[in-house]
Amino acid sequence: MTAPHLNRKLLLEAPQQIADGAGGYTTSWIALGTLWAEIRPRSGREREAESFPQATVPYHVIVRAAPDGAPSRPKPEQRFRLGSRIFQIRAVGEYGSDGRYLTCFAKEEVAQ
């Protein structure tokens, strides 16, 4: 397996629940750091959402591996930010057999 070309600088973010003062919560995103990545698009689809079409495009985002429990290791429910683009992480697995990289299965939703 060839080494990925890590040419995109992504911001890794994690959700944080913040009390809204009325007994509920709002979700805020905190930055955990930046990671270099290769972004590989998969086949997308379109669906109707709230009376407007929304395209969902899945991606494989490949990053350098980090030890379990390290803040730099992506987890499901976190997200990557590339400028105004958001990639929601759905699952994370090893890329290749040597454990040097991780594949993050992510999706980007784009309102049209």
PDB file of N, CA and C in Angstrom:
ATOM      1  N   MET A   1       0.845  -1.167   0.000  1.00  0.00           N
ATOM      2  CA  MET A   1       0.000   0.000   0.000  1.00  0.00           C
ATOM      3  C   MET A   1       0.899   1.242   0.000  1.00  0.00           C
ATOM      4  N   THR A   2       0.588   2.205  -0.845  1.00  0.00           N
ATOM      5  CA  THR A   2       1.414   3.407  -0.931  1.00  0.00           C
ATOM      6  C   THR A   2       1.073   4.374   0.192  1.00  0.00           C
ATOM      7  N   ALA A   3       2.067   5.143   0.578  1.00  0.00           N
ATOM      8  CA  ALA A   3       1.856   6.140   1.636  1.00  0.00           C
ATOM      9  C   ALA A   3       0.932   7.244   1.115  1.00  0.00           C
ATOM     10  N   PRO A   4       0.025   7.721   1.945  1.00  0.00           N
ATOM     11  CA  PRO A   4      -0.872   8.803   1.517  1.00  0.00           C
ATOM     12  C   PRO A   4      -0.113  10.116   1.354  1.00  0.00           C
ATOM     13  N   HIS A   5      -0.685  10.993   0.546  1.00  0.00           N
ATOM     14  CA  HIS A   5      -0.124  12.324   0.316  1.00  0.00           C
ATOM     15  C   HIS A   5      -0.841  13.306   1.254  1.00  0.00           C
ATOM     16  N   LEU A   6      -0.251  13.613   2.388  1.00  0.00           N
ATOM     17  CA  LEU A   6      -0.883  14.467   3.408  1.00  0.00           C
ATOM     18  C   LEU A   6      -0.679  15.931   3.025  1.00  0.00           C
ATOM     19  N   ASN A   7      -1.606  16.473   2.249  1.00  0.00           N
ATOM     20  CA  ASN A   7      -1.447  17.817   1.695  1.00  0.00           C
ATOM     21  C   ASN A   7      -2.525  18.813   2.124  1.00  0.00           C
ATOM     22  N   ARG A   8      -3.375  18.437   3.060  1.00  0.00           N
ATOM     23  CA  ARG A   8      -4.433  19.340   3.557  1.00  0.00           C
ATOM     24  C   ARG A   8      -4.278  19.521   5.057  1.00  0.00           C
ATOM     25  N   LYS A   9      -4.286  20.757   5.503  1.00  0.00           N
ATOM     26  CA  LYS A   9      -4.176  21.063   6.928  1.00  0.00           C
ATOM     27  C   LYS A   9      -5.588  21.235   7.490  1.00  0.00           C
ATOM     28  N   LEU A  10      -5.995  20.283   8.340  1.00  0.00           N
ATOM     29  CA  LEU A  10      -7.352  20.272   8.893  1.00  0.00           C
ATOM     30  C   LEU A  10      -7.326  20.593  10.380  1.00  0.00           C
ATOM     31  N   LEU A  11      -8.369  21.253  10.840  1.00  0.00           N
ATOM     32  CA  LEU A  11      -8.553  21.520  12.264  1.00  0.00           C
ATOM     33  C   LEU A  11      -9.451  20.431  12.825  1.00  0.00           C
ATOM     34  N   LEU A  12      -8.977  19.726  13.857  1.00  0.00           N
ATOM     35  CA  LEU A  12      -9.775  18.701  14.528  1.00  0.00           C
ATOM     36  C   LEU A  12     -10.554  19.371  15.655  1.00  0.00           C
ATOM     37  N   GLU A  13     -11.876  19.163  15.681  1.00  0.00           N
ATOM     38  CA  GLU A  13     -12.741  19.778  16.691  1.00  0.00           C
ATOM     39  C   GLU A  13     -13.560  18.716  17.403  1.00  0.00           C
ATOM     40  N   ALA A  14     -13.858  18.972  18.672  1.00  0.00           N
ATOM     41  CA  ALA A  14     -14.680  18.071  19.479  1.00  0.00           C
ATOM     42  C   ALA A  14     -15.891  18.829  20.006  1.00  0.00           C
ATOM     43  N   PRO A  15     -17.052  18.150  20.116  1.00  0.00           N
ATOM     44  CA  PRO A  15     -18.235  18.823  20.647  1.00  0.00           C
ATOM     45  C   PRO A  15     -18.130  18.994  22.156  1.00  0.00           C
ATOM     46  N   GLN A  16     -18.696  20.077  22.643  1.00  0.00           N
ATOM     47  CA  GLN A  16     -18.738  20.345  24.079  1.00  0.00           C
ATOM     48  C   GLN A  16     -20.131  20.862  24.409  1.00  0.00           C
ATOM     49  N   GLN A  17     -20.772  20.231  25.402  1.00  0.00           N
ATOM     50  CA  GLN A  17     -22.108  20.648  25.833  1.00  0.00           C
ATOM     51  C   GLN A  17     -21.973  21.807  26.818  1.00  0.00           C
ATOM     52  N   ILE A  18     -22.700  22.887  26.558  1.00  0.00           N
ATOM     53  CA  ILE A  18     -22.671  24.065  27.421  1.00  0.00           C
ATOM     54  C   ILE A  18     -24.101  24.346  27.877  1.00  0.00           C
ATOM     55  N   ALA A  19     -24.281  24.493  29.199  1.00  0.00           N
ATOM     56  CA  ALA A  19     -25.611  24.788  29.744  1.00  0.00           C
ATOM     57  C   ALA A  19     -26.088  26.129  29.203  1.00  0.00           C
ATOM     58  N   ASP A  20     -27.382  26.177  28.810  1.00  0.00           N
ATOM     59  CA  ASP A  20     -27.928  27.419  28.261  1.00  0.00           C
ATOM     60  C   ASP A  20     -28.613  28.281  29.320  1.00  0.00           C
ATOM     61  N   GLY A  21     -28.617  27.842  30.586  1.00  0.00           N
ATOM     62  CA  GLY A  21     -29.209  28.625  31.658  1.00  0.00           C
ATOM     63  C   GLY A  21     -30.696  28.389  31.844  1.00  0.00           C
ATOM     64  N   ALA A  22     -31.302  27.613  30.965  1.00  0.00           N
ATOM     65  CA  ALA A  22     -32.734  27.338  31.057  1.00  0.00           C
ATOM     66  C   ALA A  22     -32.999  25.854  31.200  1.00  0.00           C
ATOM     67  N   GLY A  23     -31.996  25.110  31.654  1.00  0.00           N
ATOM     68  CA  GLY A  23     -32.153  23.679  31.847  1.00  0.00           C
ATOM     69  C   GLY A  23     -31.758  22.837  30.647  1.00  0.00           C
ATOM     70  N   GLY A  24     -31.380  23.468  29.556  1.00  0.00           N
ATOM     71  CA  GLY A  24     -30.978  22.737  28.347  1.00  0.00           C
ATOM     72  C   GLY A  24     -29.503  22.939  28.060  1.00  0.00           C
ATOM     73  N   TYR A  25     -29.107  22.493  26.914  1.00  0.00           N
ATOM     74  CA  TYR A  25     -27.710  22.594  26.517  1.00  0.00           C
ATOM     75  C   TYR A  25     -27.608  23.028  25.072  1.00  0.00           C
ATOM     76  N   THR A  26     -26.504  23.660  24.750  1.00  0.00           N
ATOM     77  CA  THR A  26     -26.144  23.945  23.368  1.00  0.00           C
ATOM     78  C   THR A  26     -24.803  23.271  23.100  1.00  0.00           C
ATOM     79  N   THR A  27     -24.569  22.956  21.856  1.00  0.00           N
ATOM     80  CA  THR A  27     -23.305  22.325  21.488  1.00  0.00           C
ATOM     81  C   THR A  27     -22.369  23.374  20.928  1.00  0.00           C
ATOM     82  N   SER A  28     -21.180  23.405  21.485  1.00  0.00           N
ATOM     83  CA  SER A  28     -20.117  24.281  21.016  1.00  0.00           C
ATOM     84  C   SER A  28     -18.968  23.386  20.560  1.00  0.00           C
ATOM     85  N   TRP A  29     -18.144  23.843  19.672  1.00  0.00           N
ATOM     86  CA  TRP A  29     -17.027  23.051  19.162  1.00  0.00           C
ATOM     87  C   TRP A  29     -15.721  23.656  19.623  1.00  0.00           C
ATOM     88  N   ILE A  30     -14.852  22.820  20.206  1.00  0.00           N
ATOM     89  CA  ILE A  30     -13.555  23.290  20.673  1.00  0.00           C
ATOM     90  C   ILE A  30     -12.461  22.683  19.791  1.00  0.00           C
ATOM     91  N   ALA A  31     -11.469  23.480  19.488  1.00  0.00           N
ATOM     92  CA  ALA A  31     -10.361  23.036  18.645  1.00  0.00           C
ATOM     93  C   ALA A  31      -9.403  22.176  19.465  1.00  0.00           C
ATOM     94  N   LEU A  32      -9.022  21.031  18.907  1.00  0.00           N
ATOM     95  CA  LEU A  32      -8.071  20.142  19.560  1.00  0.00           C
ATOM     96  C   LEU A  32      -6.678  20.253  18.954  1.00  0.00           C
ATOM     97  N   GLY A  33      -6.597  20.756  17.746  1.00  0.00           N
ATOM     98  CA  GLY A  33      -5.308  20.898  17.074  1.00  0.00           C
ATOM     99  C   GLY A  33      -5.456  20.694  15.581  1.00  0.00           C
ATOM    100  N   THR A  34      -4.348  20.818  14.872  1.00  0.00           N
ATOM    101  CA  THR A  34      -4.360  20.646  13.429  1.00  0.00           C
ATOM    102  C   THR A  34      -3.667  19.341  13.049  1.00  0.00           C
ATOM    103  N   LEU A  35      -4.168  18.742  11.984  1.00  0.00           N
ATOM    104  CA  LEU A  35      -3.611  17.503  11.456  1.00  0.00           C
ATOM    105  C   LEU A  35      -3.459  17.645   9.949  1.00  0.00           C
ATOM    106  N   TRP A  36      -2.376  17.092   9.413  1.00  0.00           N
ATOM    107  CA  TRP A  36      -2.216  17.031   7.965  1.00  0.00           C
ATOM    108  C   TRP A  36      -2.908  15.771   7.475  1.00  0.00           C
ATOM    109  N   ALA A  37      -3.612  15.876   6.349  1.00  0.00           N
ATOM    110  CA  ALA A  37      -4.445  14.776   5.882  1.00  0.00           C
ATOM    111  C   ALA A  37      -4.486  14.695   4.364  1.00  0.00           C
ATOM    112  N   GLU A  38      -4.875  13.526   3.901  1.00  0.00           N
ATOM    113  CA  GLU A  38      -5.265  13.336   2.503  1.00  0.00           C
ATOM    114  C   GLU A  38      -6.764  13.108   2.512  1.00  0.00           C
ATOM    115  N   ILE A  39      -7.482  13.813   1.644  1.00  0.00           N
ATOM    116  CA  ILE A  39      -8.937  13.700   1.576  1.00  0.00           C
ATOM    117  C   ILE A  39      -9.298  13.012   0.269  1.00  0.00           C
ATOM    118  N   ARG A  40     -10.000  11.863   0.389  1.00  0.00           N
ATOM    119  CA  ARG A  40     -10.414  11.090  -0.785  1.00  0.00           C
ATOM    120  C   ARG A  40     -11.937  11.029  -0.843  1.00  0.00           C
ATOM    121  N   PRO A  41     -12.546  11.657  -1.849  1.00  0.00           N
ATOM    122  CA  PRO A  41     -14.006  11.593  -1.948  1.00  0.00           C
ATOM    123  C   PRO A  41     -14.469  10.214  -2.394  1.00  0.00           C
ATOM    124  N   ARG A  42     -15.640   9.816  -1.905  1.00  0.00           N
ATOM    125  CA  ARG A  42     -16.300   8.587  -2.317  1.00  0.00           C
ATOM    126  C   ARG A  42     -17.521   9.000  -3.143  1.00  0.00           C
ATOM    127  N   SER A  43     -18.407   8.100  -3.481  1.00  0.00           N
ATOM    128  CA  SER A  43     -19.589   8.464  -4.255  1.00  0.00           C
ATOM    129  C   SER A  43     -20.623   9.129  -3.351  1.00  0.00           C
ATOM    130  N   GLY A  44     -21.255  10.179  -3.832  1.00  0.00           N
ATOM    131  CA  GLY A  44     -22.208  10.945  -3.034  1.00  0.00           C
ATOM    132  C   GLY A  44     -23.644  10.643  -3.406  1.00  0.00           C
ATOM    133  N   ARG A  45     -24.560  11.313  -2.687  1.00  0.00           N
ATOM    134  CA  ARG A  45     -25.982  11.174  -2.980  1.00  0.00           C
ATOM    135  C   ARG A  45     -26.673  12.469  -2.589  1.00  0.00           C
ATOM    136  N   GLU A  46     -27.904  12.621  -3.078  1.00  0.00           N
ATOM    137  CA  GLU A  46     -28.692  13.811  -2.767  1.00  0.00           C
ATOM    138  C   GLU A  46     -29.977  13.379  -2.087  1.00  0.00           C
ATOM    139  N   ARG A  47     -30.413  14.165  -1.105  1.00  0.00           N
ATOM    140  CA  ARG A  47     -31.673  13.874  -0.421  1.00  0.00           C
ATOM    141  C   ARG A  47     -32.370  15.190  -0.112  1.00  0.00           C
ATOM    142  N   GLU A  48     -33.663  15.104   0.167  1.00  0.00           N
ATOM    143  CA  GLU A  48     -34.465  16.277   0.513  1.00  0.00           C
ATOM    144  C   GLU A  48     -34.366  16.504   2.013  1.00  0.00           C
ATOM    145  N   ALA A  49     -34.028  17.720   2.434  1.00  0.00           N
ATOM    146  CA  ALA A  49     -33.912  18.040   3.859  1.00  0.00           C
ATOM    147  C   ALA A  49     -34.519  19.408   4.116  1.00  0.00           C
ATOM    148  N   GLU A  50     -35.576  19.432   4.911  1.00  0.00           N
ATOM    149  CA  GLU A  50     -36.209  20.697   5.291  1.00  0.00           C
ATOM    150  C   GLU A  50     -36.578  21.534   4.063  1.00  0.00           C
ATOM    151  N   SER A  51     -37.156  20.919   3.071  1.00  0.00           N
ATOM    152  CA  SER A  51     -37.672  21.534   1.847  1.00  0.00           C
ATOM    153  C   SER A  51     -36.596  22.077   0.908  1.00  0.00           C
ATOM    154  N   PHE A  52     -35.347  21.630   1.052  1.00  0.00           N
ATOM    155  CA  PHE A  52     -34.330  21.978   0.067  1.00  0.00           C
ATOM    156  C   PHE A  52     -33.408  20.783  -0.124  1.00  0.00           C
ATOM    157  N   PRO A  53     -32.884  20.620  -1.334  1.00  0.00           N
ATOM    158  CA  PRO A  53     -32.016  19.470  -1.560  1.00  0.00           C
ATOM    159  C   PRO A  53     -30.695  19.605  -0.806  1.00  0.00           C
ATOM    160  N   GLN A  54     -30.190  18.497  -0.324  1.00  0.00           N
ATOM    161  CA  GLN A  54     -28.929  18.493   0.407  1.00  0.00           C
ATOM    162  C   GLN A  54     -28.087  17.335  -0.131  1.00  0.00           C
ATOM    163  N   ALA A  55     -26.874  17.655  -0.576  1.00  0.00           N
ATOM    164  CA  ALA A  55     -25.966  16.629  -1.076  1.00  0.00           C
ATOM    165  C   ALA A  55     -25.124  16.117   0.089  1.00  0.00           C
ATOM    166  N   THR A  56     -25.007  14.808   0.180  1.00  0.00           N
ATOM    167  CA  THR A  56     -24.168  14.182   1.196  1.00  0.00           C
ATOM    168  C   THR A  56     -23.026  13.484   0.474  1.00  0.00           C
ATOM    169  N   VAL A  57     -21.800  13.879   0.794  1.00  0.00           N
ATOM    170  CA  VAL A  57     -20.638  13.295   0.142  1.00  0.00           C
ATOM    171  C   VAL A  57     -19.766  12.620   1.192  1.00  0.00           C
ATOM    172  N   PRO A  58     -19.579  11.292   1.079  1.00  0.00           N
ATOM    173  CA  PRO A  58     -18.693  10.610   2.023  1.00  0.00           C
ATOM    174  C   PRO A  58     -17.227  10.766   1.601  1.00  0.00           C
ATOM    175  N   TYR A  59     -16.346  10.761   2.568  1.00  0.00           N
ATOM    176  CA  TYR A  59     -14.914  10.903   2.325  1.00  0.00           C
ATOM    177  C   TYR A  59     -14.141   9.912   3.180  1.00  0.00           C
ATOM    178  N   HIS A  60     -12.967   9.563   2.704  1.00  0.00           N
ATOM    179  CA  HIS A  60     -11.947   8.925   3.525  1.00  0.00           C
ATOM    180  C   HIS A  60     -10.927  10.012   3.800  1.00  0.00           C
ATOM    181  N   VAL A  61     -10.724  10.332   5.062  1.00  0.00           N
ATOM    182  CA  VAL A  61      -9.728  11.323   5.466  1.00  0.00           C
ATOM    183  C   VAL A  61      -8.614  10.542   6.150  1.00  0.00           C
ATOM    184  N   ILE A  62      -7.435  10.568   5.547  1.00  0.00           N
ATOM    185  CA  ILE A  62      -6.311   9.779   6.055  1.00  0.00           C
ATOM    186  C   ILE A  62      -5.344  10.702   6.782  1.00  0.00           C
ATOM    187  N   VAL A  63      -5.026  10.353   8.034  1.00  0.00           N
ATOM    188  CA  VAL A  63      -4.122  11.151   8.881  1.00  0.00           C
ATOM    189  C   VAL A  63      -3.073  10.222   9.489  1.00  0.00           C
ATOM    190  N   ARG A  64      -2.016  10.805  10.049  1.00  0.00           N
ATOM    191  CA  ARG A  64      -1.028  10.005  10.777  1.00  0.00           C
ATOM    192  C   ARG A  64      -1.677   9.415  12.024  1.00  0.00           C
ATOM    193  N   ALA A  65      -1.274   8.206  12.365  1.00  0.00           N
ATOM    194  CA  ALA A  65      -1.821   7.545  13.544  1.00  0.00           C
ATOM    195  C   ALA A  65      -1.310   8.214  14.815  1.00  0.00           C
ATOM    196  N   ALA A  66      -2.101   8.117  15.856  1.00  0.00           N
ATOM    197  CA  ALA A  66      -1.739   8.592  17.197  1.00  0.00           C
ATOM    198  C   ALA A  66      -2.187   7.507  18.172  1.00  0.00           C
ATOM    199  N   PRO A  67      -1.527   7.408  19.327  1.00  0.00           N
ATOM    200  CA  PRO A  67      -1.906   6.364  20.290  1.00  0.00           C
ATOM    201  C   PRO A  67      -3.349   6.519  20.776  1.00  0.00           C
ATOM    202  N   ASP A  68      -3.955   5.395  21.156  1.00  0.00           N
ATOM    203  CA  ASP A  68      -5.298   5.445  21.744  1.00  0.00           C
ATOM    204  C   ASP A  68      -5.286   6.381  22.949  1.00  0.00           C
ATOM    205  N   GLY A  69      -6.297   7.225  23.047  1.00  0.00           N
ATOM    206  CA  GLY A  69      -6.401   8.153  24.168  1.00  0.00           C
ATOM    207  C   GLY A  69      -5.702   9.483  23.944  1.00  0.00           C
ATOM    208  N   ALA A  70      -4.868   9.593  22.917  1.00  0.00           N
ATOM    209  CA  ALA A  70      -4.191  10.869  22.633  1.00  0.00           C
ATOM    210  C   ALA A  70      -5.208  11.866  22.086  1.00  0.00           C
ATOM    211  N   PRO A  71      -5.105  13.148  22.482  1.00  0.00           N
ATOM    212  CA  PRO A  71      -6.068  14.132  21.984  1.00  0.00           C
ATOM    213  C   PRO A  71      -5.984  14.336  20.469  1.00  0.00           C
ATOM    214  N   SER A  72      -4.851  13.978  19.873  1.00  0.00           N
ATOM    215  CA  SER A  72      -4.689  14.143  18.431  1.00  0.00           C
ATOM    216  C   SER A  72      -5.250  12.964  17.636  1.00  0.00           C
ATOM    217  N   ARG A  73      -5.766  11.942  18.316  1.00  0.00           N
ATOM    218  CA  ARG A  73      -6.365  10.800  17.609  1.00  0.00           C
ATOM    219  C   ARG A  73      -7.846  11.086  17.389  1.00  0.00           C
ATOM    220  N   PRO A  74      -8.268  11.188  16.119  1.00  0.00           N
ATOM    221  CA  PRO A  74      -9.681  11.471  15.838  1.00  0.00           C
ATOM    222  C   PRO A  74     -10.592  10.372  16.358  1.00  0.00           C
ATOM    223  N   LYS A  75     -11.822  10.770  16.712  1.00  0.00           N
ATOM    224  CA  LYS A  75     -12.835   9.846  17.214  1.00  0.00           C
ATOM    225  C   LYS A  75     -14.155  10.123  16.497  1.00  0.00           C
ATOM    226  N   PRO A  76     -15.031   9.119  16.448  1.00  0.00           N
ATOM    227  CA  PRO A  76     -16.370   9.373  15.915  1.00  0.00           C
ATOM    228  C   PRO A  76     -17.049  10.482  16.733  1.00  0.00           C
ATOM    229  N   GLU A  77     -17.880  11.238  16.086  1.00  0.00           N
ATOM    230  CA  GLU A  77     -18.614  12.378  16.645  1.00  0.00           C
ATOM    231  C   GLU A  77     -17.776  13.654  16.673  1.00  0.00           C
ATOM    232  N   GLN A  78     -16.477  13.573  16.424  1.00  0.00           N
ATOM    233  CA  GLN A  78     -15.676  14.776  16.247  1.00  0.00           C
ATOM    234  C   GLN A  78     -15.801  15.201  14.788  1.00  0.00           C
ATOM    235  N   ARG A  79     -15.128  16.292  14.436  1.00  0.00           N
ATOM    236  CA  ARG A  79     -15.189  16.738  13.053  1.00  0.00           C
ATOM    237  C   ARG A  79     -13.891  17.407  12.648  1.00  0.00           C
ATOM    238  N   PHE A  80     -13.693  17.475  11.342  1.00  0.00           N
ATOM    239  CA  PHE A  80     -12.586  18.221  10.764  1.00  0.00           C
ATOM    240  C   PHE A  80     -13.153  19.480  10.133  1.00  0.00           C
ATOM    241  N   ARG A  81     -12.385  20.560  10.191  1.00  0.00           N
ATOM    242  CA  ARG A  81     -12.767  21.807   9.530  1.00  0.00           C
ATOM    243  C   ARG A  81     -11.660  22.176   8.549  1.00  0.00           C
ATOM    244  N   LEU A  82     -12.064  22.501   7.327  1.00  0.00           N
ATOM    245  CA  LEU A  82     -11.162  22.988   6.290  1.00  0.00           C
ATOM    246  C   LEU A  82     -11.777  24.274   5.760  1.00  0.00           C
ATOM    247  N   GLY A  83     -11.376  25.401   6.334  1.00  0.00           N
ATOM    248  CA  GLY A  83     -12.018  26.671   5.994  1.00  0.00           C
ATOM    249  C   GLY A  83     -13.464  26.632   6.440  1.00  0.00           C
ATOM    250  N   SER A  84     -14.384  26.813   5.507  1.00  0.00           N
ATOM    251  CA  SER A  84     -15.814  26.762   5.836  1.00  0.00           C
ATOM    252  C   SER A  84     -16.401  25.362   5.664  1.00  0.00           C
ATOM    253  N   ARG A  85     -15.612  24.418   5.210  1.00  0.00           N
ATOM    254  CA  ARG A  85     -16.087  23.047   5.006  1.00  0.00           C
ATOM    255  C   ARG A  85     -15.976  22.249   6.307  1.00  0.00           C
ATOM    256  N   ILE A  86     -16.992  21.423   6.576  1.00  0.00           N
ATOM    257  CA  ILE A  86     -17.047  20.597   7.780  1.00  0.00           C
ATOM    258  C   ILE A  86     -17.168  19.132   7.358  1.00  0.00           C
ATOM    259  N   PHE A  87     -16.303  18.288   7.931  1.00  0.00           N
ATOM    260  CA  PHE A  87     -16.327  16.854   7.677  1.00  0.00           C
ATOM    261  C   PHE A  87     -16.624  16.160   9.005  1.00  0.00           C
ATOM    262  N   GLN A  88     -17.798  15.583   9.139  1.00  0.00           N
ATOM    263  CA  GLN A  88     -18.211  14.903  10.368  1.00  0.00           C
ATOM    264  C   GLN A  88     -17.641  13.489  10.367  1.00  0.00           C
ATOM    265  N   ILE A  89     -16.918  13.126  11.420  1.00  0.00           N
ATOM    266  CA  ILE A  89     -16.280  11.818  11.513  1.00  0.00           C
ATOM    267  C   ILE A  89     -17.305  10.791  11.992  1.00  0.00           C
ATOM    268  N   ARG A  90     -17.490   9.716  11.224  1.00  0.00           N
ATOM    269  CA  ARG A  90     -18.442   8.654  11.557  1.00  0.00           C
ATOM    270  C   ARG A  90     -17.753   7.439  12.164  1.00  0.00           C
ATOM    271  N   ALA A  91     -16.537   7.117  11.699  1.00  0.00           N
ATOM    272  CA  ALA A  91     -15.792   5.958  12.201  1.00  0.00           C
ATOM    273  C   ALA A  91     -14.311   6.173  11.898  1.00  0.00           C
ATOM    274  N   VAL A  92     -13.466   5.476  12.643  1.00  0.00           N
ATOM    275  CA  VAL A  92     -12.017   5.578  12.468  1.00  0.00           C
ATOM    276  C   VAL A  92     -11.435   4.168  12.480  1.00  0.00           C
ATOM    277  N   GLY A  93     -10.551   3.888  11.531  1.00  0.00           N
ATOM    278  CA  GLY A  93      -9.891   2.587  11.463  1.00  0.00           C
ATOM    279  C   GLY A  93      -8.464   2.747  10.977  1.00  0.00           C
ATOM    280  N   GLU A  94      -7.680   1.696  11.094  1.00  0.00           N
ATOM    281  CA  GLU A  94      -6.294   1.751  10.639  1.00  0.00           C
ATOM    282  C   GLU A  94      -6.234   1.705   9.115  1.00  0.00           C
ATOM    283  N   TYR A  95      -5.289   2.427   8.561  1.00  0.00           N
ATOM    284  CA  TYR A  95      -5.040   2.450   7.124  1.00  0.00           C
ATOM    285  C   TYR A  95      -3.795   1.608   6.881  1.00  0.00           C
ATOM    286  N   GLY A  96      -3.953   0.493   6.241  1.00  0.00           N
ATOM    287  CA  GLY A  96      -2.827  -0.398   5.995  1.00  0.00           C
ATOM    288  C   GLY A  96      -2.535  -1.279   7.194  1.00  0.00           C
ATOM    289  N   SER A  97      -1.564  -2.159   7.023  1.00  0.00           N
ATOM    290  CA  SER A  97      -1.268  -3.135   8.071  1.00  0.00           C
ATOM    291  C   SER A  97      -0.185  -2.685   9.040  1.00  0.00           C
ATOM    292  N   ASP A  98       0.520  -1.598   8.734  1.00  0.00           N
ATOM    293  CA  ASP A  98       1.622  -1.180   9.605  1.00  0.00           C
ATOM    294  C   ASP A  98       1.195  -0.238  10.726  1.00  0.00           C
ATOM    295  N   GLY A  99      -0.041   0.263  10.709  1.00  0.00           N
ATOM    296  CA  GLY A  99      -0.552   1.110  11.786  1.00  0.00           C
ATOM    297  C   GLY A  99       0.014   2.511  11.829  1.00  0.00           C
ATOM    298  N   ARG A 100       0.596   2.978  10.730  1.00  0.00           N
ATOM    299  CA  ARG A 100       1.185   4.321  10.712  1.00  0.00           C
ATOM    300  C   ARG A 100       0.171   5.419  10.398  1.00  0.00           C
ATOM    301  N   TYR A 101      -0.955   5.032   9.816  1.00  0.00           N
ATOM    302  CA  TYR A 101      -1.976   6.002   9.427  1.00  0.00           C
ATOM    303  C   TYR A 101      -3.348   5.510   9.870  1.00  0.00           C
ATOM    304  N   LEU A 102      -4.283   6.447   9.941  1.00  0.00           N
ATOM    305  CA  LEU A 102      -5.678   6.145  10.256  1.00  0.00           C
ATOM    306  C   LEU A 102      -6.559   6.611   9.104  1.00  0.00           C
ATOM    307  N   THR A 103      -7.625   5.867   8.843  1.00  0.00           N
ATOM    308  CA  THR A 103      -8.649   6.307   7.908  1.00  0.00           C
ATOM    309  C   THR A 103      -9.843   6.754   8.731  1.00  0.00           C
ATOM    310  N   CYS A 104     -10.258   7.987   8.515  1.00  0.00           N
ATOM    311  CA  CYS A 104     -11.469   8.516   9.144  1.00  0.00           C
ATOM    312  C   CYS A 104     -12.568   8.512   8.098  1.00  0.00           C
ATOM    313  N   PHE A 105     -13.634   7.786   8.378  1.00  0.00           N
ATOM    314  CA  PHE A 105     -14.781   7.745   7.479  1.00  0.00           C
ATOM    315  C   PHE A 105     -15.658   8.941   7.858  1.00  0.00           C
ATOM    316  N   ALA A 106     -15.716   9.904   6.960  1.00  0.00           N
ATOM    317  CA  ALA A 106     -16.389  11.170   7.276  1.00  0.00           C
ATOM    318  C   ALA A 106     -17.401  11.491   6.199  1.00  0.00           C
ATOM    319  N   LYS A 107     -18.280  12.447   6.514  1.00  0.00           N
ATOM    320  CA  LYS A 107     -19.208  12.925   5.504  1.00  0.00           C
ATOM    321  C   LYS A 107     -19.307  14.440   5.583  1.00  0.00           C
ATOM    322  N   GLU A 108     -19.535  15.008   4.431  1.00  0.00           N
ATOM    323  CA  GLU A 108     -19.740  16.446   4.315  1.00  0.00           C
ATOM    324  C   GLU A 108     -21.125  16.654   3.728  1.00  0.00           C
ATOM    325  N   GLU A 109     -21.906  17.496   4.370  1.00  0.00           N
ATOM    326  CA  GLU A 109     -23.231  17.814   3.849  1.00  0.00           C
ATOM    327  C   GLU A 109     -23.190  19.218   3.287  1.00  0.00           C
ATOM    328  N   VAL A 110     -23.728  19.354   2.085  1.00  0.00           N
ATOM    329  CA  VAL A 110     -23.695  20.629   1.381  1.00  0.00           C
ATOM    330  C   VAL A 110     -25.110  20.994   0.978  1.00  0.00           C
ATOM    331  N   ALA A 111     -25.635  22.125   1.471  1.00  0.00           N
ATOM    332  CA  ALA A 111     -26.958  22.596   1.076  1.00  0.00           C
ATOM    333  C   ALA A 111     -26.836  23.198  -0.322  1.00  0.00           C
ATOM    334  N   GLN A 112     -27.808  22.865  -1.187  1.00  0.00           N
ATOM    335  CA  GLN A 112     -27.754  23.357  -2.566  1.00  0.00           C
ATOM    336  C   GLN A 112     -28.822  24.378  -2.814  1.00  0.00           C
TER     337      GLN A 112
END
